[in-house]
Amino acid sequence: MAEHSGPVRRTPRAQVRRRLLDEAARAFAEHGYDDARIDDIAHAAGFTKGAVYSNFGGKQGLFAAILDAGADAELQDVMAGIDDGADRAAVLDRVARMVARRIVDDTGRAQLGLEFAARAGRDESTREVLAPLRRAQRDAASRSIGEVAERTGARPSIDPELAALILHCLTNGLTNERVADPETISPELVERALAAVLTMLLPPNDRPTPAPCSCSPTL
């Protein structure tokens, strides 16, 4: 008579999602969006394809989650270590260097992002997945710009939401150019472009502090 070993412990949901995302990132990078198969991704992660649907809603949701996870990690890295009163120029250089490194080093994710954006232009269901993700990324960038300004004493030259849109478009454009022409669009050029725009968007706060009024009160 076989011994009862007790109930099988279920894999925590966070771990399921992480394993699926890891395998999906590899599959998409190796095969592209169209040729990557949900069955293969789920099997490599140790689950059935039902796990993909229950956690991400399908292939498009899984792909969007990969892009979203990368953006979240980047924003967290940008904000980490920026203390109140930090040197503005040093902070902006650090941000430009970090984002440039991601553009240059993470070419697989960049190419997948371009592929998904191209699909969104032709397919409404893909656009419905990508559009809210892009909005969330721009909103997060806007909050980060405001926080960098507050911590470093910079004075945003335009509204943070508009600044976020400009930086979002600049990053995507640099990614496109780097993928298409890596010999000309060097890592140093990418960093210089980012640093130049960040410096214009977040100039130092040179407004003089008003002197205390010493006039007599009007009766």
C-alpha atoms as a PDB file:
ATOM      1  CA  MET A   1       0.000   0.000   0.000  1.00  0.00           C
ATOM      2  CA  ALA A   2       1.483   3.330  -1.108  1.00  0.00           C
ATOM      3  CA  GLU A   3       2.121   5.900   1.566  1.00  0.00           C
ATOM      4  CA  HIS A   4       0.171   9.116   1.369  1.00  0.00           C
ATOM      5  CA  SER A   5       2.631  11.923   0.724  1.00  0.00           C
ATOM      6  CA  GLY A   6       0.200  14.755   1.392  1.00  0.00           C
ATOM      7  CA  PRO A   7      -1.172  17.409  -0.948  1.00  0.00           C
ATOM      8  CA  VAL A   8       1.005  18.665  -3.786  1.00  0.00           C
ATOM      9  CA  ARG A   9       2.119  22.200  -3.114  1.00  0.00           C
ATOM     10  CA  ARG A  10       1.182  24.658  -5.831  1.00  0.00           C
ATOM     11  CA  THR A  11       3.852  26.888  -7.321  1.00  0.00           C
ATOM     12  CA  PRO A  12       3.372  30.472  -6.085  1.00  0.00           C
ATOM     13  CA  ARG A  13       1.809  32.720  -8.711  1.00  0.00           C
ATOM     14  CA  ALA A  14       4.719  35.168  -8.659  1.00  0.00           C
ATOM     15  CA  GLN A  15       7.136  32.339  -9.427  1.00  0.00           C
ATOM     16  CA  VAL A  16       4.912  31.043 -12.239  1.00  0.00           C
ATOM     17  CA  ARG A  17       4.850  34.481 -13.833  1.00  0.00           C
ATOM     18  CA  ARG A  18       8.598  34.953 -13.455  1.00  0.00           C
ATOM     19  CA  ARG A  19       9.405  31.591 -15.054  1.00  0.00           C
ATOM     20  CA  LEU A  20       7.005  32.200 -17.925  1.00  0.00           C
ATOM     21  CA  LEU A  21       8.434  35.676 -18.520  1.00  0.00           C
ATOM     22  CA  ASP A  22      12.011  34.352 -18.528  1.00  0.00           C
ATOM     23  CA  GLU A  23      11.219  31.623 -21.049  1.00  0.00           C
ATOM     24  CA  ALA A  24       9.070  33.928 -23.175  1.00  0.00           C
ATOM     25  CA  ALA A  25      11.848  36.521 -23.366  1.00  0.00           C
ATOM     26  CA  ARG A  26      14.230  33.849 -24.658  1.00  0.00           C
ATOM     27  CA  ALA A  27      11.693  32.470 -27.126  1.00  0.00           C
ATOM     28  CA  PHE A  28      10.700  35.860 -28.521  1.00  0.00           C
ATOM     29  CA  ALA A  29      14.332  36.935 -28.867  1.00  0.00           C
ATOM     30  CA  GLU A  30      15.279  33.702 -30.635  1.00  0.00           C
ATOM     31  CA  HIS A  31      12.254  33.193 -32.888  1.00  0.00           C
ATOM     32  CA  GLY A  32      10.498  36.565 -33.068  1.00  0.00           C
ATOM     33  CA  TYR A  33       6.944  37.272 -32.011  1.00  0.00           C
ATOM     34  CA  ASP A  34       5.147  35.425 -34.808  1.00  0.00           C
ATOM     35  CA  ASP A  35       7.127  32.189 -34.625  1.00  0.00           C
ATOM     36  CA  ALA A  36       7.350  31.896 -30.831  1.00  0.00           C
ATOM     37  CA  ARG A  37       4.778  29.327 -29.667  1.00  0.00           C
ATOM     38  CA  ILE A  38       2.854  29.520 -26.398  1.00  0.00           C
ATOM     39  CA  ASP A  39       2.990  25.726 -26.012  1.00  0.00           C
ATOM     40  CA  ASP A  40       6.786  25.733 -26.242  1.00  0.00           C
ATOM     41  CA  ILE A  41       7.153  28.650 -23.835  1.00  0.00           C
ATOM     42  CA  ALA A  42       4.878  27.054 -21.248  1.00  0.00           C
ATOM     43  CA  HIS A  43       6.571  23.636 -21.587  1.00  0.00           C
ATOM     44  CA  ALA A  44      10.053  25.138 -21.173  1.00  0.00           C
ATOM     45  CA  ALA A  45       8.873  26.894 -18.016  1.00  0.00           C
ATOM     46  CA  GLY A  46       7.384  23.656 -16.655  1.00  0.00           C
ATOM     47  CA  PHE A  47       3.695  24.482 -17.102  1.00  0.00           C
ATOM     48  CA  THR A  48       0.825  24.012 -19.531  1.00  0.00           C
ATOM     49  CA  LYS A  49      -0.295  26.755 -21.896  1.00  0.00           C
ATOM     50  CA  GLY A  50      -3.216  27.347 -19.548  1.00  0.00           C
ATOM     51  CA  ALA A  51      -0.749  29.053 -17.203  1.00  0.00           C
ATOM     52  CA  VAL A  52       0.001  31.603 -19.916  1.00  0.00           C
ATOM     53  CA  TYR A  53      -3.666  32.404 -20.441  1.00  0.00           C
ATOM     54  CA  SER A  54      -4.508  32.562 -16.735  1.00  0.00           C
ATOM     55  CA  ASN A  55      -1.580  34.854 -15.938  1.00  0.00           C
ATOM     56  CA  PHE A  56      -1.267  36.991 -19.062  1.00  0.00           C
ATOM     57  CA  GLY A  57      -4.398  36.461 -21.120  1.00  0.00           C
ATOM     58  CA  GLY A  58      -2.488  35.157 -24.119  1.00  0.00           C
ATOM     59  CA  LYS A  59       0.540  35.773 -26.287  1.00  0.00           C
ATOM     60  CA  GLN A  60       0.059  39.515 -26.650  1.00  0.00           C
ATOM     61  CA  GLY A  61      -0.348  40.032 -22.919  1.00  0.00           C
ATOM     62  CA  LEU A  62       2.738  37.920 -22.252  1.00  0.00           C
ATOM     63  CA  PHE A  63       4.788  39.980 -24.682  1.00  0.00           C
ATOM     64  CA  ALA A  64       3.528  43.269 -23.245  1.00  0.00           C
ATOM     65  CA  ALA A  65       4.444  42.073 -19.749  1.00  0.00           C
ATOM     66  CA  ILE A  66       8.032  41.504 -20.904  1.00  0.00           C
ATOM     67  CA  LEU A  67       8.276  45.059 -22.224  1.00  0.00           C
ATOM     68  CA  ASP A  68       6.605  46.443 -19.101  1.00  0.00           C
ATOM     69  CA  ALA A  69       8.927  44.563 -16.743  1.00  0.00           C
ATOM     70  CA  GLY A  70      11.964  45.972 -18.513  1.00  0.00           C
ATOM     71  CA  ALA A  71      10.622  49.514 -18.315  1.00  0.00           C
ATOM     72  CA  ASP A  72       9.831  49.178 -14.598  1.00  0.00           C
ATOM     73  CA  ALA A  73      13.331  47.912 -13.846  1.00  0.00           C
ATOM     74  CA  GLU A  74      14.862  50.799 -15.759  1.00  0.00           C
ATOM     75  CA  LEU A  75      12.830  53.415 -13.904  1.00  0.00           C
ATOM     76  CA  GLN A  76      13.696  51.891 -10.542  1.00  0.00           C
ATOM     77  CA  ASP A  77      17.391  51.953 -11.451  1.00  0.00           C
ATOM     78  CA  VAL A  78      17.143  55.580 -12.539  1.00  0.00           C
ATOM     79  CA  MET A  79      15.611  56.684  -9.248  1.00  0.00           C
ATOM     80  CA  ALA A  80      17.788  54.561  -6.966  1.00  0.00           C
ATOM     81  CA  GLY A  81      20.439  56.483  -5.116  1.00  0.00           C
ATOM     82  CA  ILE A  82      19.210  59.982  -5.963  1.00  0.00           C
ATOM     83  CA  ASP A  83      19.211  61.784  -2.631  1.00  0.00           C
ATOM     84  CA  ASP A  84      17.686  65.136  -1.841  1.00  0.00           C
ATOM     85  CA  GLY A  85      20.102  67.876  -2.819  1.00  0.00           C
ATOM     86  CA  ALA A  86      22.038  65.616  -5.211  1.00  0.00           C
ATOM     87  CA  ASP A  87      24.130  67.352  -7.852  1.00  0.00           C
ATOM     88  CA  ARG A  88      21.859  67.991 -10.828  1.00  0.00           C
ATOM     89  CA  ALA A  89      24.507  67.607 -13.547  1.00  0.00           C
ATOM     90  CA  ALA A  90      25.824  64.363 -12.064  1.00  0.00           C
ATOM     91  CA  VAL A  91      22.316  62.929 -11.803  1.00  0.00           C
ATOM     92  CA  LEU A  92      21.452  63.789 -15.405  1.00  0.00           C
ATOM     93  CA  ASP A  93      24.727  62.286 -16.633  1.00  0.00           C
ATOM     94  CA  ARG A  94      23.994  59.135 -14.666  1.00  0.00           C
ATOM     95  CA  VAL A  95      20.489  58.844 -16.114  1.00  0.00           C
ATOM     96  CA  ALA A  96      21.733  59.425 -19.667  1.00  0.00           C
ATOM     97  CA  ARG A  97      24.468  56.811 -19.246  1.00  0.00           C
ATOM     98  CA  MET A  98      22.063  54.249 -17.806  1.00  0.00           C
ATOM     99  CA  VAL A  99      19.417  54.656 -20.506  1.00  0.00           C
ATOM    100  CA  ALA A 100      22.073  54.664 -23.238  1.00  0.00           C
ATOM    101  CA  ARG A 101      23.498  51.412 -21.892  1.00  0.00           C
ATOM    102  CA  ARG A 102      20.067  49.806 -22.073  1.00  0.00           C
ATOM    103  CA  ILE A 103      19.562  50.992 -25.652  1.00  0.00           C
ATOM    104  CA  VAL A 104      22.976  49.714 -26.724  1.00  0.00           C
ATOM    105  CA  ASP A 105      23.165  46.453 -24.779  1.00  0.00           C
ATOM    106  CA  ASP A 106      19.585  45.199 -24.851  1.00  0.00           C
ATOM    107  CA  THR A 107      19.212  44.956 -28.624  1.00  0.00           C
ATOM    108  CA  GLY A 108      16.990  41.868 -28.408  1.00  0.00           C
ATOM    109  CA  ARG A 109      14.351  43.673 -26.360  1.00  0.00           C
ATOM    110  CA  ALA A 110      14.681  46.733 -28.568  1.00  0.00           C
ATOM    111  CA  GLN A 111      14.036  44.723 -31.727  1.00  0.00           C
ATOM    112  CA  LEU A 112      11.048  43.015 -30.146  1.00  0.00           C
ATOM    113  CA  GLY A 113       9.633  46.363 -29.086  1.00  0.00           C
ATOM    114  CA  LEU A 114       9.937  47.645 -32.651  1.00  0.00           C
ATOM    115  CA  GLU A 115       8.285  44.494 -33.977  1.00  0.00           C
ATOM    116  CA  PHE A 116       5.368  44.831 -31.563  1.00  0.00           C
ATOM    117  CA  ALA A 117       4.942  48.536 -32.348  1.00  0.00           C
ATOM    118  CA  ALA A 118       4.859  47.731 -36.071  1.00  0.00           C
ATOM    119  CA  ARG A 119       2.172  45.122 -35.436  1.00  0.00           C
ATOM    120  CA  ALA A 120       0.149  47.662 -33.460  1.00  0.00           C
ATOM    121  CA  GLY A 121       0.053  49.895 -36.533  1.00  0.00           C
ATOM    122  CA  ARG A 122      -1.641  47.120 -38.514  1.00  0.00           C
ATOM    123  CA  ASP A 123      -3.627  45.227 -35.895  1.00  0.00           C
ATOM    124  CA  GLU A 124      -6.159  46.805 -33.553  1.00  0.00           C
ATOM    125  CA  SER A 125      -6.001  44.021 -30.949  1.00  0.00           C
ATOM    126  CA  THR A 126      -2.241  44.509 -30.641  1.00  0.00           C
ATOM    127  CA  ARG A 127      -2.733  48.257 -30.373  1.00  0.00           C
ATOM    128  CA  GLU A 128      -5.225  47.752 -27.541  1.00  0.00           C
ATOM    129  CA  VAL A 129      -2.490  45.922 -25.621  1.00  0.00           C
ATOM    130  CA  LEU A 130       0.361  48.285 -26.465  1.00  0.00           C
ATOM    131  CA  ALA A 131      -1.368  51.665 -26.086  1.00  0.00           C
ATOM    132  CA  PRO A 132      -2.106  51.465 -22.328  1.00  0.00           C
ATOM    133  CA  LEU A 133       1.395  50.094 -21.746  1.00  0.00           C
ATOM    134  CA  ARG A 134       2.949  53.079 -23.510  1.00  0.00           C
ATOM    135  CA  ARG A 135       0.705  55.470 -21.566  1.00  0.00           C
ATOM    136  CA  ALA A 136       1.783  53.891 -18.287  1.00  0.00           C
ATOM    137  CA  GLN A 137       5.445  54.199 -19.288  1.00  0.00           C
ATOM    138  CA  ARG A 138       5.020  57.891 -20.127  1.00  0.00           C
ATOM    139  CA  ASP A 139       3.179  58.509 -16.848  1.00  0.00           C
ATOM    140  CA  ALA A 140       5.986  56.822 -14.901  1.00  0.00           C
ATOM    141  CA  ALA A 141       8.569  58.887 -16.780  1.00  0.00           C
ATOM    142  CA  SER A 142       6.641  62.066 -15.959  1.00  0.00           C
ATOM    143  CA  ARG A 143       6.650  61.214 -12.265  1.00  0.00           C
ATOM    144  CA  SER A 144      10.365  60.455 -12.401  1.00  0.00           C
ATOM    145  CA  ILE A 145      11.119  63.788 -14.077  1.00  0.00           C
ATOM    146  CA  GLY A 146       9.195  65.589 -11.356  1.00  0.00           C
ATOM    147  CA  GLU A 147      11.013  63.678  -8.638  1.00  0.00           C
ATOM    148  CA  VAL A 148      14.457  64.289 -10.136  1.00  0.00           C
ATOM    149  CA  ALA A 149      13.639  67.988 -10.358  1.00  0.00           C
ATOM    150  CA  GLU A 150      12.492  68.095  -6.738  1.00  0.00           C
ATOM    151  CA  ARG A 151      15.482  66.193  -5.378  1.00  0.00           C
ATOM    152  CA  THR A 152      18.128  68.086  -7.341  1.00  0.00           C
ATOM    153  CA  GLY A 153      16.592  71.552  -7.348  1.00  0.00           C
ATOM    154  CA  ALA A 154      16.266  71.619 -11.127  1.00  0.00           C
ATOM    155  CA  ARG A 155      13.528  73.679 -12.736  1.00  0.00           C
ATOM    156  CA  PRO A 156      11.657  71.806 -15.517  1.00  0.00           C
ATOM    157  CA  SER A 157      11.593  73.968 -18.628  1.00  0.00           C
ATOM    158  CA  ILE A 158       8.235  72.489 -19.707  1.00  0.00           C
ATOM    159  CA  ASP A 159       5.407  70.482 -18.189  1.00  0.00           C
ATOM    160  CA  PRO A 160       6.659  67.077 -16.937  1.00  0.00           C
ATOM    161  CA  GLU A 161       4.075  65.239 -19.042  1.00  0.00           C
ATOM    162  CA  LEU A 162       5.341  66.911 -22.206  1.00  0.00           C
ATOM    163  CA  ALA A 163       8.940  66.296 -21.147  1.00  0.00           C
ATOM    164  CA  ALA A 164       8.108  62.614 -20.625  1.00  0.00           C
ATOM    165  CA  LEU A 165       6.631  62.382 -24.116  1.00  0.00           C
ATOM    166  CA  ILE A 166       9.741  63.959 -25.632  1.00  0.00           C
ATOM    167  CA  LEU A 167      12.065  61.600 -23.759  1.00  0.00           C
ATOM    168  CA  HIS A 168       9.878  58.603 -24.616  1.00  0.00           C
ATOM    169  CA  CYS A 169       9.984  59.454 -28.310  1.00  0.00           C
ATOM    170  CA  LEU A 170      13.711  60.222 -28.178  1.00  0.00           C
ATOM    171  CA  THR A 171      14.467  56.871 -26.563  1.00  0.00           C
ATOM    172  CA  ASN A 172      12.398  55.000 -29.138  1.00  0.00           C
ATOM    173  CA  GLY A 173      14.005  56.957 -31.969  1.00  0.00           C
ATOM    174  CA  LEU A 174      17.525  56.301 -30.717  1.00  0.00           C
ATOM    175  CA  THR A 175      16.643  52.629 -30.384  1.00  0.00           C
ATOM    176  CA  ASN A 176      15.461  52.539 -34.011  1.00  0.00           C
ATOM    177  CA  GLU A 177      18.576  54.286 -35.288  1.00  0.00           C
ATOM    178  CA  ARG A 178      20.917  52.119 -33.220  1.00  0.00           C
ATOM    179  CA  VAL A 179      19.312  48.922 -34.553  1.00  0.00           C
ATOM    180  CA  ALA A 180      19.406  50.186 -38.149  1.00  0.00           C
ATOM    181  CA  ASP A 181      22.885  51.745 -38.117  1.00  0.00           C
ATOM    182  CA  PRO A 182      25.009  50.597 -35.159  1.00  0.00           C
ATOM    183  CA  GLU A 183      28.264  51.670 -36.841  1.00  0.00           C
ATOM    184  CA  THR A 184      27.258  55.337 -36.953  1.00  0.00           C
ATOM    185  CA  ILE A 185      24.995  55.537 -33.895  1.00  0.00           C
ATOM    186  CA  SER A 186      27.679  54.759 -31.324  1.00  0.00           C
ATOM    187  CA  PRO A 187      27.102  54.295 -27.584  1.00  0.00           C
ATOM    188  CA  GLU A 188      28.794  57.632 -26.953  1.00  0.00           C
ATOM    189  CA  LEU A 189      26.505  59.403 -29.434  1.00  0.00           C
ATOM    190  CA  VAL A 190      23.403  57.875 -27.841  1.00  0.00           C
ATOM    191  CA  GLU A 191      24.525  59.041 -24.400  1.00  0.00           C
ATOM    192  CA  ARG A 192      25.350  62.545 -25.654  1.00  0.00           C
ATOM    193  CA  ALA A 193      21.929  62.901 -27.275  1.00  0.00           C
ATOM    194  CA  LEU A 194      20.151  61.845 -24.092  1.00  0.00           C
ATOM    195  CA  ALA A 195      22.300  64.071 -21.893  1.00  0.00           C
ATOM    196  CA  ALA A 196      21.723  67.087 -24.161  1.00  0.00           C
ATOM    197  CA  VAL A 197      17.937  66.739 -24.095  1.00  0.00           C
ATOM    198  CA  LEU A 198      17.815  66.020 -20.350  1.00  0.00           C
ATOM    199  CA  THR A 199      19.906  69.133 -19.686  1.00  0.00           C
ATOM    200  CA  MET A 200      17.519  71.277 -21.732  1.00  0.00           C
ATOM    201  CA  LEU A 201      14.438  69.789 -20.085  1.00  0.00           C
ATOM    202  CA  LEU A 202      15.826  70.076 -16.544  1.00  0.00           C
ATOM    203  CA  PRO A 203      17.949  73.225 -16.364  1.00  0.00           C
ATOM    204  CA  PRO A 204      19.251  74.505 -13.017  1.00  0.00           C
ATOM    205  CA  ASN A 205      16.945  76.619 -10.952  1.00  0.00           C
ATOM    206  CA  ASP A 206      18.600  80.027 -11.264  1.00  0.00           C
ATOM    207  CA  ARG A 207      15.619  82.080 -10.230  1.00  0.00           C
ATOM    208  CA  PRO A 208      16.687  84.485  -7.454  1.00  0.00           C
ATOM    209  CA  THR A 209      15.045  84.184  -4.088  1.00  0.00           C
ATOM    210  CA  PRO A 210      12.859  87.255  -3.461  1.00  0.00           C
ATOM    211  CA  ALA A 211      14.286  89.573  -0.821  1.00  0.00           C
ATOM    212  CA  PRO A 212      12.153  90.043   2.287  1.00  0.00           C
ATOM    213  CA  CYS A 213       9.955  93.070   2.089  1.00  0.00           C
ATOM    214  CA  SER A 214      11.174  95.924   4.323  1.00  0.00           C
ATOM    215  CA  CYS A 215       8.517  98.432   3.322  1.00  0.00           C
ATOM    216  CA  SER A 216       6.119  99.923   5.817  1.00  0.00           C
ATOM    217  CA  PRO A 217       2.640  98.438   5.854  1.00  0.00           C
ATOM    218  CA  THR A 218       0.019 100.457   4.053  1.00  0.00           C
ATOM    219  CA  LEU A 219      -2.571 101.897   6.370  1.00  0.00           C
END
